[in-house]
Amino acid sequence: MASNSTYTANGENGDKGSTEGELNEWKHRPPYKVHDNDPNFHVRYEASCHCGKVKYQLSREKPLDAKFCHCTTCQKLHGAPFQWAAIFHKDDINFTHGHHDLGWYESSEKTCVHKLPCKVSCAYCRTPIMDEGRNMILLFPTLINFKSAEDRKNFEPSCHMFYPRRVVDINDGKPKWSGINGNSELIADTPEEHKKRKREQDEDKALSERKRELDEGKAA
């Protein structure tokens, strides 16, 4: 790594700070790859964990989407009524500190190995940093040091997921999904226009499925 790197290592998770060898290959791939001196990486936001050992930058002005998740896993792991998450590409993030201070947790197998999808946190203060998926990352806007109300507005959630598992009612007029948005039912105070759009999408899907079945029947 270049001597003028902006990245520093502390190794609170036992990592010795090496970037060489097969066990350290993940450090050269997004989202952990450091964007040193990359003219195409334009810093738009800066964020950090509670203790400050883990710091990162974001280059995208708006997330691909932002949501409130009320599933019990998010409630327990965040110690909060729900999770506020924003979706980004893995290349949108640049860790400037704490590259070696990250801990992982794979919730389905309850293991601390780096196995996707997994939860990523600061190994020192335990602040949740992100959820790393196979193709995308879910970041938590509460870590971002917003410089204006307009910047924060860019992360406005579009909907609620797993709303039946909520521990508090939120009557904000946003779409409320019983599970994953787009793949479950709209409930509660979801605006009527969203419910209508969902019905139309379901009808189009049913018609397409019926057409496919008829076409397959003709071809048989």
Protein backbone atom coordinates (compact mmCIF):
# COMPACT_ATOMS: atom_id res chain seq x y z
CA MET A 1 0.00 0.00 0.00
CA ALA A 2 1.29 3.46 -0.85
CA SER A 3 3.03 5.41 1.89
CA ASN A 4 0.67 8.36 1.39
CA SER A 5 -2.36 6.25 2.23
CA THR A 6 -5.14 7.93 4.22
CA TYR A 7 -5.86 4.59 5.90
CA THR A 8 -4.62 3.69 9.37
CA ALA A 9 -4.83 0.38 11.20
CA ASN A 10 -5.40 -0.33 14.89
CA GLY A 11 -6.23 -4.00 14.92
CA GLU A 12 -8.77 -4.11 17.77
CA ASN A 13 -10.14 -7.37 16.32
CA GLY A 14 -6.76 -9.08 16.51
CA ASP A 15 -5.84 -8.19 12.92
CA LYS A 16 -2.12 -7.50 12.67
CA GLY A 17 -2.59 -4.94 9.92
CA SER A 18 -1.15 -6.97 7.06
CA THR A 19 -2.68 -6.65 3.60
CA GLU A 20 -0.71 -9.56 2.13
CA GLY A 21 -1.62 -13.22 1.81
CA GLU A 22 -4.74 -15.22 1.06
CA LEU A 23 -6.38 -14.45 4.41
CA ASN A 24 -6.20 -10.73 3.65
CA GLU A 25 -7.63 -10.80 0.12
CA TRP A 26 -10.88 -9.23 1.37
CA LYS A 27 -8.97 -6.01 2.10
CA HIS A 28 -8.38 -5.50 -1.62
CA ARG A 29 -12.04 -5.92 -2.62
CA PRO A 30 -15.00 -3.57 -2.23
CA PRO A 31 -16.38 -2.49 0.16
CA TYR A 32 -13.07 -2.72 2.08
CA LYS A 33 -10.75 -1.67 -0.72
CA VAL A 34 -9.14 1.69 0.05
CA HIS A 35 -9.65 4.34 -2.67
CA ASP A 36 -6.31 6.09 -2.25
CA ASN A 37 -5.66 8.84 -4.79
CA ASP A 38 -8.60 7.74 -6.92
CA PRO A 39 -9.72 10.78 -8.96
CA ASN A 40 -13.07 9.09 -9.60
CA PHE A 41 -13.90 8.82 -5.90
CA HIS A 42 -15.45 12.16 -4.92
CA VAL A 43 -16.10 12.40 -1.18
CA ARG A 44 -19.70 13.42 -0.49
CA TYR A 45 -20.15 12.31 3.14
CA GLU A 46 -18.02 11.27 6.11
CA ALA A 47 -19.06 8.91 8.89
CA SER A 48 -17.66 7.19 11.96
CA CYS A 49 -18.45 4.76 14.74
CA HIS A 50 -18.96 5.94 18.34
CA CYS A 51 -15.32 5.60 19.43
CA GLY A 52 -13.93 6.96 16.16
CA LYS A 53 -11.66 4.03 15.38
CA VAL A 54 -13.69 3.22 12.26
CA LYS A 55 -14.21 6.05 9.77
CA TYR A 56 -15.39 6.01 6.19
CA GLN A 57 -16.36 8.22 3.28
CA LEU A 58 -19.19 7.98 0.76
CA SER A 59 -19.10 9.15 -2.83
CA ARG A 60 -22.76 8.77 -3.82
CA GLU A 61 -25.04 11.75 -3.12
CA LYS A 62 -28.17 9.65 -2.53
CA PRO A 63 -28.53 6.00 -1.55
CA LEU A 64 -30.17 3.62 -3.99
CA ASP A 65 -32.94 3.39 -1.40
CA ALA A 66 -33.48 3.92 2.32
CA LYS A 67 -35.87 1.99 4.58
CA PHE A 68 -37.02 1.41 8.13
CA CYS A 69 -36.81 -2.28 9.07
CA HIS A 70 -38.84 -3.58 12.03
CA CYS A 71 -37.73 -7.24 11.94
CA THR A 72 -36.79 -8.77 15.28
CA THR A 73 -33.20 -9.39 14.17
CA CYS A 74 -32.67 -5.67 13.56
CA GLN A 75 -34.40 -4.83 16.83
CA LYS A 76 -32.10 -7.08 18.82
CA LEU A 77 -28.82 -6.34 17.05
CA HIS A 78 -29.37 -2.57 17.15
CA GLY A 79 -31.02 -2.49 20.57
CA ALA A 80 -33.65 -0.21 19.04
CA PRO A 81 -37.31 -0.34 17.91
CA PHE A 82 -36.24 -0.50 14.26
CA GLN A 83 -33.30 -0.09 11.90
CA TRP A 84 -32.77 2.84 9.53
CA ALA A 85 -30.73 1.56 6.60
CA ALA A 86 -29.57 3.00 3.29
CA ILE A 87 -28.50 0.89 0.31
CA PHE A 88 -25.25 1.61 -1.54
CA HIS A 89 -22.97 -0.07 -4.05
CA LYS A 90 -19.85 -1.57 -2.49
CA ASP A 91 -17.66 0.82 -4.50
CA ASP A 92 -19.43 3.84 -2.95
CA ILE A 93 -17.59 3.50 0.38
CA ASN A 94 -13.99 4.21 1.35
CA PHE A 95 -12.63 3.26 4.79
CA THR A 96 -10.05 5.81 5.95
CA HIS A 97 -9.60 4.43 9.48
CA GLY A 98 -10.30 1.09 11.13
CA HIS A 99 -9.92 -1.16 8.13
CA HIS A 100 -8.52 -3.75 10.56
CA ASP A 101 -10.91 -2.86 13.39
CA LEU A 102 -14.01 -4.51 11.97
CA GLY A 103 -15.87 -7.48 13.35
CA TRP A 104 -18.33 -9.71 11.53
CA TYR A 105 -21.43 -11.60 12.53
CA GLU A 106 -23.39 -13.94 10.28
CA SER A 107 -26.83 -14.09 11.92
CA SER A 108 -28.27 -17.25 10.36
CA GLU A 109 -25.40 -19.47 11.59
CA LYS A 110 -24.49 -17.17 14.51
CA THR A 111 -20.82 -17.18 13.55
CA CYS A 112 -18.17 -14.43 13.58
CA VAL A 113 -16.54 -15.41 10.29
CA HIS A 114 -16.68 -13.18 7.22
CA LYS A 115 -19.45 -15.05 5.41
CA LEU A 116 -21.94 -13.17 3.24
CA PRO A 117 -24.40 -11.82 4.01
CA CYS A 118 -23.09 -10.59 7.33
CA LYS A 119 -23.27 -7.82 9.91
CA VAL A 120 -20.21 -5.57 10.23
CA SER A 121 -19.38 -3.61 13.37
CA CYS A 122 -16.53 -1.82 15.10
CA ALA A 123 -14.56 -4.45 17.03
CA TYR A 124 -13.84 -1.92 19.80
CA CYS A 125 -17.04 0.02 20.61
CA ARG A 126 -19.37 -2.47 18.77
CA THR A 127 -21.17 0.23 16.79
CA PRO A 128 -22.99 -1.41 13.83
CA ILE A 129 -21.21 -0.19 10.69
CA MET A 130 -23.14 -1.90 7.89
CA ASP A 131 -24.81 -5.04 6.63
CA GLU A 132 -22.70 -6.48 3.82
CA GLY A 133 -24.64 -8.41 1.19
CA ARG A 134 -23.37 -10.31 -1.80
CA ASN A 135 -23.83 -7.34 -4.14
CA MET A 136 -24.76 -4.32 -2.01
CA ILE A 137 -24.21 -2.84 1.44
CA LEU A 138 -26.73 -1.41 3.89
CA LEU A 139 -25.32 1.56 5.77
CA PHE A 140 -26.76 3.30 8.81
CA PRO A 141 -27.31 7.04 8.29
CA THR A 142 -27.03 7.77 12.02
CA LEU A 143 -23.25 7.31 11.63
CA ILE A 144 -22.99 10.02 8.98
CA ASN A 145 -21.93 13.52 9.96
CA PHE A 146 -24.56 15.43 7.98
CA LYS A 147 -23.60 19.03 7.29
CA SER A 148 -27.08 20.24 6.40
CA ALA A 149 -30.76 19.36 6.58
CA GLU A 150 -30.69 18.94 2.79
CA ASP A 151 -28.00 16.26 3.06
CA ARG A 152 -30.03 14.38 5.65
CA LYS A 153 -33.10 14.65 3.41
CA ASN A 154 -31.25 12.58 0.80
CA PHE A 155 -31.54 9.61 3.16
CA GLU A 156 -35.29 9.92 3.75
CA PRO A 157 -36.72 6.37 4.07
CA SER A 158 -39.13 5.30 1.34
CA CYS A 159 -41.04 2.70 3.40
CA HIS A 160 -41.29 0.43 6.44
CA MET A 161 -40.54 -3.32 6.26
CA PHE A 162 -41.78 -6.10 8.59
CA TYR A 163 -44.18 -3.59 10.12
CA PRO A 164 -46.35 -6.21 11.91
CA ARG A 165 -43.34 -6.89 14.17
CA ARG A 166 -43.09 -3.25 15.24
CA VAL A 167 -42.82 -2.29 18.89
CA VAL A 168 -44.02 1.25 18.24
CA ASP A 169 -46.58 2.67 15.81
CA ILE A 170 -45.28 5.23 13.31
CA ASN A 171 -48.06 7.07 11.52
CA ASP A 172 -45.92 8.86 8.95
CA GLY A 173 -47.93 8.03 5.84
CA LYS A 174 -45.13 5.93 4.34
CA PRO A 175 -45.86 2.51 2.78
CA LYS A 176 -45.93 -0.25 5.42
CA TRP A 177 -44.98 -3.73 4.22
CA SER A 178 -45.67 -6.95 6.13
CA GLY A 179 -42.27 -8.29 4.98
CA ILE A 180 -39.75 -7.32 2.30
CA ASN A 181 -40.97 -4.31 0.34
CA GLY A 182 -42.43 -5.28 -3.01
CA ASN A 183 -42.71 -8.95 -2.02
CA SER A 184 -45.32 -8.79 0.73
CA GLU A 185 -48.60 -7.11 1.61
CA LEU A 186 -49.16 -3.41 2.23
CA ILE A 187 -50.80 -2.81 5.60
CA ALA A 188 -51.64 -0.21 8.28
CA ASP A 189 -51.75 3.45 7.23
CA THR A 190 -50.16 2.89 3.84
CA PRO A 191 -51.39 5.63 1.45
CA GLU A 192 -54.13 4.40 -0.89
CA GLU A 193 -52.10 5.24 -3.99
CA HIS A 194 -49.41 2.77 -2.90
CA LYS A 195 -52.00 0.07 -2.25
CA LYS A 196 -53.53 0.68 -5.68
CA ARG A 197 -50.12 0.49 -7.34
CA LYS A 198 -49.43 -2.79 -5.52
CA ARG A 199 -52.76 -4.26 -6.68
CA GLU A 200 -52.00 -3.28 -10.26
CA GLN A 201 -48.55 -4.84 -10.06
CA ASP A 202 -50.03 -8.05 -8.64
CA GLU A 203 -52.61 -8.16 -11.41
CA ASP A 204 -49.94 -7.63 -14.09
CA LYS A 205 -47.85 -10.37 -12.52
CA ALA A 206 -50.81 -12.76 -12.47
CA LEU A 207 -51.64 -12.02 -16.11
CA SER A 208 -48.04 -12.57 -17.15
CA GLU A 209 -47.95 -15.87 -15.29
CA ARG A 210 -51.21 -16.96 -16.87
CA LYS A 211 -49.94 -16.03 -20.34
CA ARG A 212 -46.76 -18.00 -19.73
CA GLU A 213 -48.77 -21.06 -18.69
CA LEU A 214 -50.93 -20.80 -21.81
CA ASP A 215 -47.89 -20.43 -24.05
CA GLU A 216 -46.27 -23.47 -22.45
CA GLY A 217 -49.52 -25.40 -22.91
CA LYS A 218 -49.57 -24.60 -26.62
CA ALA A 219 -45.96 -25.61 -27.00
CA ALA A 220 -46.52 -28.97 -25.27
